[in-house]
Amino acid sequence: QYFGESLFLVYILITTFILSTIPIAYFASFIFESPLTGFVFLIALHFILYVFLTVITLMTTFVLNDEELSKTLQYIFSVVPSFSFGYGMYNVFINQKRLETCSRPPNTLQSCRNSFTVLEDMYTFEIPGILTNVVSSLSIGLIFLILTIILINGIHITNLFHKCYPNRESKGNFNGQDKDVKEERERVESG
């Protein structure tokens, strides 16, 4: 059960997950023949990636007993929005429970910190903080938003290159025509 500041952290994670997955879903709708197929594929992909990456991360923590490797994997896997959201929720919950446990007598926060990581401020890049999750989710969302805008507007990389370097000679005219074909067409049209 989330309450207080933990509830606000959950809202932040939900919001960033939504802001990252909407551009991805919109981008995927162009890749597949049917937008519905793309959305179903993304739902399955999010679920499979979340489960797979979470199992790997938890195995490094509890089976291999390698906390540092687990934290490193969390940083790497946080580029996947479903993992970032799910593991962020897990970290908020675990940290909240640890804070509750550490605040009960005879425990003290310092004695708990000797046993495991407890954060009073979750707005940090240190695991179990949520800033890694928030920044990575928003970054992935922004990347896919830019890709979608490029796709919608039909901006081609060659056109961008030509606009940035207009004085450079090119092999073609960026309309899919070879330079020789363009010259021949102009010659024929001029009579």
Protein backbone atom coordinates (compact mmCIF):
# COMPACT_ATOMS: atom_id res chain seq x y z
CA GLN A 1 0.00 0.00 0.00
CA TYR A 2 1.43 3.33 -1.09
CA PHE A 3 0.82 6.48 0.91
CA GLY A 4 2.20 9.97 1.39
CA GLU A 5 5.21 10.80 -0.71
CA SER A 6 5.37 7.25 -2.04
CA LEU A 7 1.97 7.76 -3.63
CA PHE A 8 3.28 10.88 -5.39
CA LEU A 9 6.29 8.89 -6.62
CA VAL A 10 3.89 6.33 -8.08
CA TYR A 11 2.04 9.11 -9.93
CA ILE A 12 5.36 10.36 -11.32
CA LEU A 13 6.28 6.86 -12.52
CA ILE A 14 2.87 6.33 -14.13
CA THR A 15 3.04 9.70 -15.88
CA THR A 16 6.53 9.13 -17.25
CA PHE A 17 5.57 5.62 -18.39
CA ILE A 18 2.60 7.04 -20.30
CA LEU A 19 4.71 9.86 -21.77
CA SER A 20 7.27 7.34 -23.00
CA THR A 21 4.94 4.67 -24.38
CA ILE A 22 2.55 6.89 -26.34
CA PRO A 23 5.26 8.03 -28.81
CA ILE A 24 6.51 4.44 -29.08
CA ALA A 25 3.00 3.18 -29.82
CA TYR A 26 2.39 5.91 -32.37
CA PHE A 27 5.70 5.14 -34.07
CA ALA A 28 4.89 1.40 -34.13
CA SER A 29 1.52 2.09 -35.76
CA PHE A 30 3.42 3.17 -38.90
CA ILE A 31 5.66 0.12 -38.98
CA PHE A 32 2.91 -2.49 -39.09
CA GLU A 33 0.31 -2.88 -41.81
CA SER A 34 -2.44 -2.43 -39.25
CA PRO A 35 -2.04 -0.02 -36.30
CA LEU A 36 -3.90 -2.52 -34.11
CA THR A 37 -1.29 -5.16 -34.89
CA GLY A 38 1.40 -2.72 -33.82
CA PHE A 39 -0.34 -1.98 -30.52
CA VAL A 40 -0.86 -5.67 -29.74
CA PHE A 41 2.77 -6.36 -30.60
CA LEU A 42 3.90 -3.56 -28.28
CA ILE A 43 1.78 -4.80 -25.40
CA ALA A 44 3.27 -8.27 -25.77
CA LEU A 45 6.77 -6.85 -26.15
CA HIS A 46 6.43 -4.66 -23.05
CA PHE A 47 5.21 -7.62 -21.00
CA ILE A 48 7.88 -10.03 -22.24
CA LEU A 49 10.71 -7.53 -21.82
CA TYR A 50 9.54 -6.53 -18.35
CA VAL A 51 9.33 -10.12 -17.13
CA PHE A 52 12.62 -11.17 -18.75
CA LEU A 53 14.63 -8.17 -17.55
CA THR A 54 13.13 -8.27 -14.07
CA VAL A 55 13.95 -11.97 -13.67
CA ILE A 56 17.55 -11.29 -14.74
CA THR A 57 17.88 -8.40 -12.31
CA LEU A 58 16.31 -10.28 -9.39
CA MET A 59 18.45 -13.35 -10.08
CA THR A 60 21.63 -11.26 -9.88
CA THR A 61 20.42 -9.86 -6.57
CA PHE A 62 19.14 -12.98 -4.84
CA VAL A 63 20.79 -15.94 -6.59
CA LEU A 64 24.21 -14.52 -7.40
CA ASN A 65 24.18 -12.15 -4.38
CA ASP A 66 25.76 -9.43 -6.51
CA GLU A 67 24.11 -6.16 -5.53
CA GLU A 68 26.46 -4.03 -7.64
CA LEU A 69 25.77 -6.03 -10.81
CA SER A 70 22.05 -5.78 -10.10
CA LYS A 71 22.27 -1.99 -9.79
CA THR A 72 24.29 -1.78 -13.00
CA LEU A 73 21.69 -3.88 -14.82
CA GLN A 74 18.92 -1.64 -13.47
CA TYR A 75 20.68 1.39 -14.96
CA ILE A 76 21.12 -0.35 -18.32
CA PHE A 77 17.63 -1.88 -18.48
CA SER A 78 15.95 1.39 -17.49
CA VAL A 79 15.89 2.40 -21.17
CA VAL A 80 13.02 -0.07 -21.57
CA PRO A 81 9.93 1.84 -20.38
CA SER A 82 8.09 -1.19 -19.00
CA PHE A 83 11.11 -2.25 -16.94
CA SER A 84 11.73 1.32 -15.82
CA PHE A 85 8.13 1.66 -14.65
CA GLY A 86 7.82 -1.76 -13.02
CA TYR A 87 11.17 -1.75 -11.27
CA GLY A 88 10.65 1.86 -10.23
CA MET A 89 7.41 0.80 -8.54
CA TYR A 90 9.25 -2.10 -6.91
CA ASN A 91 11.98 0.23 -5.62
CA VAL A 92 9.45 2.72 -4.22
CA PHE A 93 7.60 -0.10 -2.44
CA ILE A 94 10.75 -1.72 -1.03
CA ASN A 95 12.17 1.60 0.14
CA GLN A 96 8.87 2.53 1.81
CA LYS A 97 8.77 -0.81 3.66
CA ARG A 98 12.40 -0.44 4.73
CA LEU A 99 11.72 3.07 6.04
CA GLU A 100 8.72 1.77 8.01
CA THR A 101 10.81 -1.06 9.46
CA CYS A 102 13.69 1.25 10.34
CA SER A 103 11.43 3.76 12.07
CA ARG A 104 10.12 1.18 14.57
CA PRO A 105 12.01 0.78 17.88
CA PRO A 106 14.59 -0.63 18.59
CA ASN A 107 15.75 0.00 14.98
CA THR A 108 17.35 3.22 13.89
CA LEU A 109 17.78 4.52 10.37
CA GLN A 110 21.56 4.29 10.72
CA SER A 111 21.47 0.64 11.79
CA CYS A 112 19.22 -0.13 8.82
CA ARG A 113 21.57 1.64 6.41
CA ASN A 114 24.32 -0.72 7.51
CA SER A 115 22.17 -3.67 6.39
CA PHE A 116 20.69 -2.37 3.12
CA THR A 117 20.10 0.77 1.07
CA VAL A 118 17.43 3.03 2.51
CA LEU A 119 16.71 6.43 1.02
CA GLU A 120 14.80 9.18 2.75
CA ASP A 121 14.81 11.16 -0.51
CA MET A 122 13.80 9.10 -3.54
CA TYR A 123 14.55 11.95 -5.97
CA THR A 124 18.04 10.71 -6.74
CA PHE A 125 19.87 8.72 -9.40
CA GLU A 126 21.09 6.28 -6.74
CA ILE A 127 19.19 2.98 -6.76
CA PRO A 128 16.44 2.71 -5.37
CA GLY A 129 15.82 6.37 -6.32
CA ILE A 130 13.49 7.09 -9.21
CA LEU A 131 15.34 9.77 -11.21
CA THR A 132 17.04 7.15 -13.39
CA ASN A 133 13.62 5.72 -14.23
CA VAL A 134 12.08 9.13 -14.89
CA VAL A 135 14.92 10.50 -17.03
CA SER A 136 15.35 7.32 -19.08
CA SER A 137 11.62 6.98 -19.75
CA LEU A 138 11.27 10.62 -20.79
CA SER A 139 14.39 10.36 -22.98
CA ILE A 140 13.09 7.28 -24.80
CA GLY A 141 9.71 8.98 -25.24
CA LEU A 142 11.39 12.09 -26.66
CA ILE A 143 13.51 10.03 -29.07
CA PHE A 144 10.46 8.20 -30.41
CA LEU A 145 8.50 11.46 -30.60
CA ILE A 146 11.23 12.96 -32.78
CA LEU A 147 11.36 9.81 -34.93
CA THR A 148 7.59 9.91 -35.34
CA ILE A 149 7.64 13.59 -36.34
CA ILE A 150 10.35 12.82 -38.88
CA LEU A 151 8.31 9.90 -40.21
CA ILE A 152 5.07 11.91 -40.44
CA ASN A 153 6.65 14.88 -42.17
CA GLY A 154 8.62 12.72 -44.59
CA ILE A 155 11.91 14.30 -43.70
CA HIS A 156 14.72 12.34 -45.25
CA ILE A 157 18.26 12.40 -43.95
CA THR A 158 19.57 13.33 -47.41
CA ASN A 159 17.24 16.35 -47.48
CA LEU A 160 18.49 17.43 -44.07
CA PHE A 161 22.08 17.04 -45.26
CA HIS A 162 21.37 19.07 -48.40
CA LYS A 163 19.73 21.85 -46.36
CA CYS A 164 22.67 21.97 -43.95
CA TYR A 165 25.29 21.98 -46.74
CA PRO A 166 23.58 23.59 -49.77
CA ASN A 167 26.84 24.38 -51.64
CA ARG A 168 28.05 20.80 -51.70
CA GLU A 169 27.73 18.92 -54.95
CA SER A 170 25.60 15.84 -54.72
CA LYS A 171 25.24 12.73 -56.82
CA GLY A 172 21.51 13.25 -57.19
CA ASN A 173 18.82 15.80 -56.60
CA PHE A 174 17.41 14.03 -53.51
CA ASN A 175 14.18 13.16 -55.30
CA GLY A 176 15.29 9.65 -56.14
CA GLN A 177 16.74 10.74 -59.51
CA ASP A 178 20.28 10.33 -60.64
CA LYS A 179 22.07 13.54 -61.71
CA ASP A 180 22.35 12.29 -65.30
CA VAL A 181 18.64 11.41 -65.41
CA LYS A 182 17.78 14.89 -64.17
CA GLU A 183 19.95 16.56 -66.82
CA GLU A 184 18.49 14.38 -69.57
CA ARG A 185 14.93 15.14 -68.45
CA GLU A 186 15.66 18.88 -68.45
CA ARG A 187 17.22 18.61 -71.93
CA VAL A 188 14.20 16.70 -73.32
CA GLU A 189 11.68 19.07 -71.73
CA SER A 190 13.49 22.15 -73.03
CA GLY A 191 13.09 20.83 -76.55
